[in-house]
Amino acid sequence: MLVYLRLLKESFGFAMNALRSNKLRTLLSLLGVTIGIFSIIAVLAAVDSLDRKISKELSSLDKNTIYLLKFSFGPSDIPQWKREQFPNVKYTEYVYLKNAMTHTKQLGYQIFTKRESIKYESKTVSDVNIVPVSYEFIDIQGLEFEKGRFYNESEANSGTPVIVIGNDIAKSLFDESEPLGKNVRLYGQRFTVIGVLKKEGSSLGDSNDTAAFIPVNFVRRLYGDNNPNLTNVIIFKPENGVDMEEYKSEITQKLRNFRGLKAGEIDNFFINVFGGFLDLINGIISSLRLGGIFISFFSFLVGGFGVANIMFVSVKERTNLIGIQKSLGAKNRFILFQFLFEAIILCVIGGTIGLSIVWLLSILLTSLLDFEFVLSFWNILIGSGLSIIVGVISGILPAISASKLDPVEAIRTGM
């Protein structure tokens, strides 16, 4: 054991000596390993950070939440021309299903509409995501408030012009003054601010920080129920422990009966389970991860060739020393491990530099952007492991060639 510790120490010394005596050559070789480790770990860190962010943003939603609308969240066997003929879900269908469905914790109605501007006195916030929803939405999505409240059932049903605004909108319009009770202008009408949401930060798609929630019946009164520019959705939150297939079948049966669809006619609506949407996102993230690793692998390969090249040069330069070591009784495996350890140490140095760059970059991007980049311990472990593997692969052939040198010929070559 002591012999191998001494061997490791000597190999580290040789590696440092190679760095000192052939700085440019060694640094150019290590550059490939550094770029390779940086590329792979940067991709893994970015994808993991994105995955963590998405999971955090969607954690408030139940995987069993169901979205009923005329579009599908994923691929569909129904031709596009036929899907384009599907009708929007109606408010009357929401009312019917709310009374007819069993084992339902919450059932809400939402309209997807275009972005608008909100004004308060001389200040205007543009590109606001307007979210017309029924009063149940707060329990479905679990909105958190900094101050105020969400609108109640009476306000929602009557379409009262009240509004709940995101944190960024409140700061842009009111600065440090009290927003509750103030009147803002939207759709050319006055809306009373009754709530301000907690700061959420950037998220997948739109953030609630730049959103405004209003009663869905106000928009229905403004645009009507058959506006082709709007997309309506009914949101179901089933009770815990419900058999999802039976629950979906109940929705299908009741809506088909309400729409008067005959036997043999296809469903002209889609039942989208939120868990399936999460699976789709996870599949996309996995594809991004694999694609990034595959591309980064080539730079990693170049780095391995660079280290192998410098190790062959190192063997050639130290041929005389190898001959002397062998003549003094050094075993073949001692010479082999000496060069193998040296290759591993060089790659670990390159990998450490690559990991350090990723770490510094993650700190910089986190401070500049509203997005948390995380270099996890697992990714550090992967980077270190890959550095060792590349060291072994790139150093094994030079090490074997050094260990098989004839001592007499090696000494003669160096004279």
Protein backbone atom coordinates (compact mmCIF):
# COMPACT_ATOMS: atom_id res chain seq x y z
CA MET A 1 0.00 0.00 0.00
CA LEU A 2 2.83 2.40 0.89
CA VAL A 3 4.47 1.62 -2.43
CA TYR A 4 1.40 2.71 -4.35
CA LEU A 5 1.02 5.85 -2.23
CA ARG A 6 4.63 6.70 -3.03
CA LEU A 7 3.94 5.90 -6.69
CA LEU A 8 0.93 8.25 -6.65
CA LYS A 9 3.07 10.97 -5.10
CA GLU A 10 5.79 10.52 -7.76
CA SER A 11 3.19 10.52 -10.55
CA PHE A 12 1.74 13.76 -9.20
CA GLY A 13 5.27 15.20 -9.19
CA PHE A 14 5.83 14.13 -12.81
CA ALA A 15 2.47 15.64 -13.81
CA MET A 16 3.33 18.96 -12.13
CA ASN A 17 6.79 18.89 -13.73
CA ALA A 18 5.17 18.34 -17.15
CA LEU A 19 2.97 21.38 -16.51
CA ARG A 20 5.96 23.50 -15.49
CA SER A 21 8.46 22.41 -18.14
CA ASN A 22 6.05 22.24 -21.10
CA LYS A 23 3.43 24.81 -20.14
CA LEU A 24 2.00 25.56 -23.57
CA ARG A 25 1.93 21.96 -24.78
CA THR A 26 0.35 20.68 -21.57
CA LEU A 27 -2.19 23.49 -21.30
CA LEU A 28 -3.29 22.96 -24.90
CA SER A 29 -3.80 19.27 -24.15
CA LEU A 30 -5.68 19.99 -20.92
CA LEU A 31 -7.84 22.53 -22.74
CA GLY A 32 -9.66 19.70 -24.50
CA VAL A 33 -10.48 17.98 -21.20
CA THR A 34 -11.47 21.30 -19.62
CA ILE A 35 -13.82 22.16 -22.49
CA GLY A 36 -15.21 18.61 -22.54
CA ILE A 37 -16.00 18.58 -18.81
CA PHE A 38 -17.33 22.14 -18.98
CA SER A 39 -19.63 21.28 -21.92
CA ILE A 40 -21.11 18.14 -20.40
CA ILE A 41 -21.52 19.45 -16.84
CA ALA A 42 -22.84 22.82 -18.06
CA VAL A 43 -25.50 21.01 -20.09
CA LEU A 44 -26.40 18.73 -17.16
CA ALA A 45 -26.50 21.66 -14.71
CA ALA A 46 -28.66 23.78 -17.05
CA VAL A 47 -31.13 20.95 -17.72
CA ASP A 48 -31.26 19.95 -14.03
CA SER A 49 -31.85 23.58 -13.04
CA LEU A 50 -34.65 23.84 -15.62
CA ASP A 51 -36.15 20.57 -14.40
CA ARG A 52 -36.01 21.76 -10.79
CA LYS A 53 -37.58 25.11 -11.71
CA ILE A 54 -40.43 23.48 -13.64
CA SER A 55 -41.09 20.99 -10.83
CA LYS A 56 -41.18 23.82 -8.29
CA GLU A 57 -43.53 25.94 -10.40
CA LEU A 58 -45.93 23.07 -11.06
CA SER A 59 -45.77 21.54 -7.59
CA SER A 60 -48.92 23.45 -6.52
CA LEU A 61 -50.95 21.61 -9.16
CA ASP A 62 -52.25 18.12 -8.58
CA LYS A 63 -51.05 15.58 -11.13
CA ASN A 64 -54.63 14.38 -11.40
CA THR A 65 -55.94 17.81 -12.42
CA ILE A 66 -57.87 17.49 -15.69
CA TYR A 67 -58.23 20.10 -18.43
CA LEU A 68 -61.24 19.70 -20.74
CA LEU A 69 -60.99 21.71 -23.98
CA LYS A 70 -60.94 21.36 -27.76
CA PHE A 71 -57.15 20.88 -27.93
CA SER A 72 -54.89 18.00 -26.90
CA PHE A 73 -51.75 18.51 -24.80
CA GLY A 74 -50.01 15.73 -26.71
CA PRO A 75 -50.09 13.92 -30.06
CA SER A 76 -53.49 12.80 -31.35
CA ASP A 77 -54.70 10.24 -33.88
CA ILE A 78 -57.49 12.58 -34.98
CA PRO A 79 -56.64 14.51 -38.19
CA GLN A 80 -55.91 18.20 -37.72
CA TRP A 81 -58.71 19.33 -40.06
CA LYS A 82 -61.20 17.47 -37.90
CA ARG A 83 -59.73 18.82 -34.65
CA GLU A 84 -60.08 22.36 -35.99
CA GLN A 85 -63.84 21.78 -36.24
CA PHE A 86 -64.20 20.92 -32.54
CA PRO A 87 -66.33 23.48 -30.63
CA ASN A 88 -65.15 25.44 -27.63
CA VAL A 89 -66.39 24.18 -24.28
CA LYS A 90 -69.28 26.34 -23.04
CA TYR A 91 -70.04 27.99 -19.73
CA THR A 92 -73.34 26.10 -19.68
CA GLU A 93 -71.34 22.85 -19.89
CA TYR A 94 -69.27 23.97 -16.92
CA VAL A 95 -72.44 24.64 -14.91
CA TYR A 96 -73.93 21.29 -15.96
CA LEU A 97 -70.80 19.26 -15.14
CA LYS A 98 -70.35 21.09 -11.83
CA ASN A 99 -73.76 19.81 -10.76
CA ALA A 100 -73.56 16.40 -12.48
CA MET A 101 -70.04 15.15 -11.73
CA THR A 102 -69.34 12.98 -8.70
CA HIS A 103 -66.12 12.61 -6.67
CA THR A 104 -65.04 16.14 -7.63
CA LYS A 105 -63.17 18.37 -5.17
CA GLN A 106 -63.21 21.51 -7.35
CA LEU A 107 -64.38 22.37 -10.85
CA GLY A 108 -63.54 25.69 -12.51
CA TYR A 109 -63.87 27.57 -15.80
CA GLN A 110 -61.17 29.60 -17.56
CA ILE A 111 -60.88 31.58 -20.79
CA PHE A 112 -57.58 32.05 -22.62
CA THR A 113 -57.59 35.53 -24.11
CA LYS A 114 -55.11 38.01 -25.58
CA ARG A 115 -52.80 40.22 -23.57
CA GLU A 116 -53.89 43.72 -22.61
CA SER A 117 -52.59 46.90 -20.97
CA ILE A 118 -53.59 48.02 -17.47
CA LYS A 119 -53.58 51.74 -16.58
CA TYR A 120 -53.56 53.63 -13.31
CA GLU A 121 -53.55 57.41 -13.57
CA SER A 122 -50.50 58.23 -15.76
CA LYS A 123 -48.88 54.80 -15.45
CA THR A 124 -49.40 51.89 -17.86
CA VAL A 125 -48.28 48.27 -17.75
CA SER A 126 -48.35 46.58 -21.15
CA ASP A 127 -48.37 42.93 -22.21
CA VAL A 128 -50.30 41.76 -19.15
CA ASN A 129 -51.50 38.17 -19.15
CA ILE A 130 -55.23 38.49 -18.49
CA VAL A 131 -56.64 35.37 -16.80
CA PRO A 132 -60.46 35.29 -16.70
CA VAL A 133 -61.41 32.46 -14.33
CA SER A 134 -64.23 31.34 -12.08
CA TYR A 135 -63.92 31.75 -8.31
CA GLU A 136 -62.81 28.11 -7.77
CA PHE A 137 -59.46 28.81 -9.45
CA ILE A 138 -57.81 29.89 -6.20
CA ASP A 139 -58.36 26.43 -4.71
CA ILE A 140 -57.36 24.63 -7.91
CA GLN A 141 -54.04 26.44 -8.38
CA GLY A 142 -53.32 27.39 -4.75
CA LEU A 143 -52.63 31.10 -5.26
CA GLU A 144 -50.81 32.86 -2.43
CA PHE A 145 -51.49 36.49 -1.54
CA GLU A 146 -49.25 39.29 -0.32
CA LYS A 147 -52.34 41.28 0.54
CA GLY A 148 -56.06 41.23 -0.14
CA ARG A 149 -58.14 38.31 -1.40
CA PHE A 150 -59.58 36.52 -4.43
CA TYR A 151 -63.07 37.32 -5.67
CA ASN A 152 -65.94 35.27 -4.23
CA GLU A 153 -68.73 33.27 -5.90
CA SER A 154 -71.15 36.19 -6.01
CA GLU A 155 -68.62 38.54 -7.62
CA ALA A 156 -67.58 35.85 -10.11
CA ASN A 157 -71.13 34.93 -11.16
CA SER A 158 -72.21 38.55 -11.61
CA GLY A 159 -69.04 39.51 -13.48
CA THR A 160 -68.20 42.28 -11.01
CA PRO A 161 -65.29 44.42 -12.28
CA VAL A 162 -62.77 43.42 -9.62
CA ILE A 163 -59.20 42.40 -10.28
CA VAL A 164 -56.35 40.47 -8.61
CA ILE A 165 -52.94 41.54 -9.89
CA GLY A 166 -49.46 40.03 -9.87
CA ASN A 167 -46.63 41.42 -7.75
CA ASP A 168 -44.72 43.04 -10.62
CA ILE A 169 -47.84 44.80 -11.90
CA ALA A 170 -48.61 46.17 -8.43
CA LYS A 171 -45.09 47.59 -8.09
CA SER A 172 -45.14 49.11 -11.58
CA LEU A 173 -48.50 50.81 -11.09
CA PHE A 174 -48.46 51.79 -7.42
CA ASP A 175 -44.78 51.79 -6.33
CA GLU A 176 -44.93 51.76 -2.53
CA SER A 177 -48.51 53.06 -2.18
CA GLU A 178 -51.43 50.87 -1.14
CA PRO A 179 -53.01 49.15 -4.21
CA LEU A 180 -56.10 47.68 -2.51
CA GLY A 181 -59.24 49.61 -3.28
CA LYS A 182 -57.65 51.56 -6.13
CA ASN A 183 -59.32 51.63 -9.55
CA VAL A 184 -57.35 50.59 -12.64
CA ARG A 185 -58.51 50.69 -16.25
CA LEU A 186 -58.81 47.53 -18.35
CA TYR A 187 -60.94 46.99 -21.46
CA GLY A 188 -61.81 50.68 -21.18
CA GLN A 189 -63.55 50.10 -17.82
CA ARG A 190 -62.69 50.55 -14.16
CA PHE A 191 -61.66 47.55 -12.11
CA THR A 192 -61.20 47.65 -8.35
CA VAL A 193 -58.02 46.01 -7.07
CA ILE A 194 -58.95 43.52 -4.33
CA GLY A 195 -55.78 41.41 -4.14
CA VAL A 196 -52.04 41.31 -4.83
CA LEU A 197 -50.27 37.97 -5.27
CA LYS A 198 -46.98 37.03 -3.61
CA LYS A 199 -43.80 37.36 -5.64
CA GLU A 200 -43.34 34.17 -7.64
CA GLY A 201 -40.38 34.74 -9.96
CA SER A 202 -39.97 33.58 -13.55
CA SER A 203 -41.60 30.31 -14.49
CA LEU A 204 -42.35 27.98 -17.36
CA GLY A 205 -44.35 30.17 -19.72
CA ASP A 206 -46.18 33.06 -18.04
CA SER A 207 -45.52 34.06 -14.45
CA ASN A 208 -48.30 35.13 -12.12
CA ASP A 209 -46.15 38.17 -11.32
CA THR A 210 -47.23 39.65 -14.65
CA ALA A 211 -50.79 38.26 -14.66
CA ALA A 212 -54.15 39.73 -13.72
CA PHE A 213 -57.15 37.63 -12.66
CA ILE A 214 -60.70 38.82 -13.38
CA PRO A 215 -64.14 37.16 -13.17
CA VAL A 216 -64.76 34.99 -16.23
CA ASN A 217 -68.33 36.28 -16.60
CA PHE A 218 -67.05 39.81 -17.21
CA VAL A 219 -65.19 38.57 -20.32
CA ARG A 220 -68.19 36.48 -21.39
CA ARG A 221 -70.35 39.60 -21.21
CA LEU A 222 -67.75 41.52 -23.21
CA TYR A 223 -66.98 38.99 -25.96
CA GLY A 224 -69.87 36.51 -25.85
CA ASP A 225 -69.67 32.72 -25.67
CA ASN A 226 -68.88 31.95 -29.30
CA ASN A 227 -65.86 34.16 -29.99
CA PRO A 228 -63.42 32.16 -32.18
CA ASN A 229 -60.44 34.12 -30.81
CA LEU A 230 -60.96 32.77 -27.29
CA THR A 231 -60.21 29.30 -25.96
CA ASN A 232 -62.30 28.02 -23.08
CA VAL A 233 -61.33 25.27 -20.66
CA ILE A 234 -63.05 23.44 -17.82
CA ILE A 235 -60.68 22.41 -15.02
CA PHE A 236 -61.44 19.40 -12.82
CA LYS A 237 -59.77 18.59 -9.52
CA PRO A 238 -60.98 15.11 -8.51
CA GLU A 239 -61.09 13.80 -4.97
CA ASN A 240 -58.07 11.91 -3.66
CA GLY A 241 -58.02 8.20 -4.44
CA VAL A 242 -60.42 8.41 -7.37
CA ASP A 243 -59.90 5.91 -10.21
CA MET A 244 -58.79 8.29 -12.98
CA GLU A 245 -59.96 6.10 -15.86
CA GLU A 246 -63.45 5.82 -14.37
CA TYR A 247 -63.48 9.55 -13.66
CA LYS A 248 -62.49 10.38 -17.26
CA SER A 249 -65.14 7.97 -18.53
CA GLU A 250 -67.75 9.77 -16.43
CA ILE A 251 -66.73 13.13 -17.93
CA THR A 252 -66.88 11.67 -21.44
CA GLN A 253 -70.28 10.08 -20.94
CA LYS A 254 -71.89 13.15 -19.36
CA LEU A 255 -70.48 15.62 -21.92
CA ARG A 256 -71.40 13.38 -24.87
CA ASN A 257 -74.96 13.20 -23.56
CA PHE A 258 -75.08 16.97 -23.05
CA ARG A 259 -73.80 17.62 -26.57
CA GLY A 260 -76.08 14.98 -28.08
CA LEU A 261 -73.31 12.95 -29.69
CA LYS A 262 -74.57 9.69 -31.22
CA ALA A 263 -73.00 6.25 -30.86
CA GLY A 264 -70.16 5.89 -33.34
CA GLU A 265 -69.39 9.63 -33.41
CA ILE A 266 -65.97 10.55 -32.07
CA ASP A 267 -65.55 12.76 -29.01
CA ASN A 268 -65.28 16.38 -30.15
CA PHE A 269 -63.25 17.37 -27.09
CA PHE A 270 -60.06 16.32 -25.32
CA ILE A 271 -59.60 15.26 -21.72
CA ASN A 272 -56.03 16.21 -20.76
CA VAL A 273 -54.64 14.91 -17.47
CA PHE A 274 -51.97 17.19 -16.02
CA GLY A 275 -49.81 14.17 -15.15
CA GLY A 276 -49.60 13.36 -18.87
CA PHE A 277 -48.44 16.92 -19.54
CA LEU A 278 -45.71 16.46 -16.91
CA ASP A 279 -44.63 13.22 -18.60
CA LEU A 280 -44.40 15.10 -21.91
CA ILE A 281 -42.22 17.80 -20.31
CA ASN A 282 -40.01 15.18 -18.65
CA GLY A 283 -39.57 13.49 -22.02
CA ILE A 284 -38.51 16.78 -23.61
CA ILE A 285 -36.05 17.45 -20.77
CA SER A 286 -34.58 13.95 -21.11
CA SER A 287 -34.14 14.51 -24.86
CA LEU A 288 -32.40 17.84 -24.21
CA ARG A 289 -30.11 16.17 -21.70
CA LEU A 290 -29.18 13.31 -24.04
CA GLY A 291 -28.73 15.63 -27.02
CA GLY A 292 -26.46 17.95 -25.05
CA ILE A 293 -24.35 15.08 -23.74
CA PHE A 294 -24.02 13.59 -27.23
CA ILE A 295 -22.80 16.88 -28.70
CA SER A 296 -20.46 17.53 -25.75
CA PHE A 297 -18.98 14.04 -26.10
CA PHE A 298 -17.05 15.06 -29.21
CA SER A 299 -15.17 17.85 -27.43
CA PHE A 300 -14.51 15.37 -24.64
CA LEU A 301 -13.10 12.92 -27.20
CA VAL A 302 -10.72 15.57 -28.54
CA GLY A 303 -9.52 16.24 -24.98
CA GLY A 304 -8.80 12.53 -24.49
CA PHE A 305 -6.71 12.42 -27.68
CA GLY A 306 -4.78 15.48 -26.49
CA VAL A 307 -3.89 13.86 -23.17
CA ALA A 308 -2.94 10.59 -24.92
CA ASN A 309 -0.64 12.59 -27.22
CA ILE A 310 1.13 14.31 -24.34
CA MET A 311 1.55 10.99 -22.52
CA PHE A 312 3.20 9.39 -25.58
CA VAL A 313 5.55 12.39 -25.75
CA SER A 314 6.24 12.03 -22.02
CA VAL A 315 7.12 8.35 -22.49
CA LYS A 316 9.51 9.25 -25.32
CA GLU A 317 11.18 11.98 -23.28
CA ARG A 318 11.62 9.73 -20.23
CA THR A 319 12.72 6.57 -22.07
CA ASN A 320 16.19 6.74 -20.49
CA LEU A 321 14.71 7.18 -16.99
CA ILE A 322 12.38 4.22 -17.56
CA GLY A 323 15.38 2.08 -18.54
CA ILE A 324 17.26 3.08 -15.37
CA GLN A 325 14.20 2.35 -13.19
CA LYS A 326 13.83 -1.09 -14.77
CA SER A 327 17.50 -1.87 -14.42
CA LEU A 328 17.21 -1.07 -10.70
CA GLY A 329 14.36 -3.59 -10.32
CA ALA A 330 11.20 -1.62 -11.10
CA LYS A 331 8.37 -3.94 -12.15
CA ASN A 332 6.37 -3.47 -15.33
CA ARG A 333 3.22 -2.68 -13.35
CA PHE A 334 5.12 0.01 -11.40
CA ILE A 335 6.00 1.78 -14.67
CA LEU A 336 2.47 1.25 -16.00
CA PHE A 337 0.80 2.74 -12.91
CA GLN A 338 3.27 5.60 -12.86
CA PHE A 339 2.21 6.83 -16.31
CA LEU A 340 -1.43 5.89 -15.82
CA PHE A 341 -1.63 7.93 -12.60
CA GLU A 342 0.05 10.82 -14.35
CA ALA A 343 -2.59 10.78 -17.12
CA ILE A 344 -5.39 10.61 -14.54
CA ILE A 345 -3.92 13.50 -12.55
CA LEU A 346 -3.64 15.64 -15.67
CA CYS A 347 -7.27 14.91 -16.59
CA VAL A 348 -8.47 15.59 -13.04
CA ILE A 349 -6.71 18.96 -13.16
CA GLY A 350 -8.43 19.75 -16.46
CA GLY A 351 -11.76 18.52 -15.10
CA THR A 352 -11.40 20.62 -11.95
CA ILE A 353 -10.82 23.72 -14.06
CA GLY A 354 -13.91 22.88 -16.16
CA LEU A 355 -16.06 22.35 -13.04
CA SER A 356 -14.78 25.60 -11.54
CA ILE A 357 -15.79 27.50 -14.68
CA VAL A 358 -19.30 25.96 -14.54
CA TRP A 359 -19.59 26.88 -10.84
CA LEU A 360 -18.52 30.49 -11.44
CA LEU A 361 -20.80 30.76 -14.46
CA SER A 362 -23.77 29.41 -12.46
CA ILE A 363 -23.20 32.06 -9.76
CA LEU A 364 -22.92 34.81 -12.39
CA LEU A 365 -26.04 33.78 -14.31
CA THR A 366 -28.08 33.33 -11.12
CA SER A 367 -27.20 36.89 -10.05
CA LEU A 368 -27.90 38.38 -13.49
CA LEU A 369 -31.05 36.43 -14.40
CA ASP A 370 -34.21 35.64 -12.47
CA PHE A 371 -33.37 31.96 -12.69
CA GLU A 372 -31.44 29.77 -10.26
CA PHE A 373 -28.64 27.75 -11.89
CA VAL A 374 -27.52 24.94 -9.62
CA LEU A 375 -24.34 22.86 -9.85
CA SER A 376 -25.37 19.85 -7.81
CA PHE A 377 -23.09 17.48 -5.92
CA TRP A 378 -24.23 14.72 -8.29
CA ASN A 379 -23.01 16.70 -11.32
CA ILE A 380 -19.69 17.40 -9.60
CA LEU A 381 -19.38 13.67 -8.97
CA ILE A 382 -20.15 12.93 -12.64
CA GLY A 383 -17.54 15.47 -13.78
CA SER A 384 -14.88 14.03 -11.49
CA GLY A 385 -15.72 10.48 -12.54
CA LEU A 386 -15.56 11.35 -16.23
CA SER A 387 -12.17 13.03 -15.72
CA ILE A 388 -10.79 9.84 -14.17
CA ILE A 389 -12.30 7.67 -16.92
CA VAL A 390 -10.77 9.84 -19.66
CA GLY A 391 -7.45 9.72 -17.80
CA VAL A 392 -7.56 5.92 -17.73
CA ILE A 393 -8.59 5.59 -21.40
CA SER A 394 -6.11 8.16 -22.73
CA GLY A 395 -3.26 6.99 -20.52
CA ILE A 396 -3.54 3.22 -20.77
CA LEU A 397 -1.84 2.77 -24.16
CA PRO A 398 1.13 5.08 -23.40
CA ALA A 399 1.47 3.41 -19.98
CA ILE A 400 1.49 -0.09 -21.53
CA SER A 401 4.08 0.96 -24.13
CA ALA A 402 6.28 2.39 -21.34
CA SER A 403 5.97 -0.73 -19.19
CA LYS A 404 7.01 -3.00 -22.08
CA LEU A 405 10.22 -1.12 -22.91
CA ASP A 406 13.39 -3.20 -22.79
CA PRO A 407 15.65 -1.64 -20.09
CA VAL A 408 18.87 -1.99 -22.15
CA GLU A 409 17.32 -0.50 -25.28
CA ALA A 410 15.67 2.25 -23.22
CA ILE A 411 18.97 3.28 -21.65
CA ARG A 412 20.78 3.11 -25.00
CA THR A 413 18.07 5.27 -26.61
CA GLY A 414 18.58 8.01 -24.04
CA MET A 415 22.37 8.12 -24.47
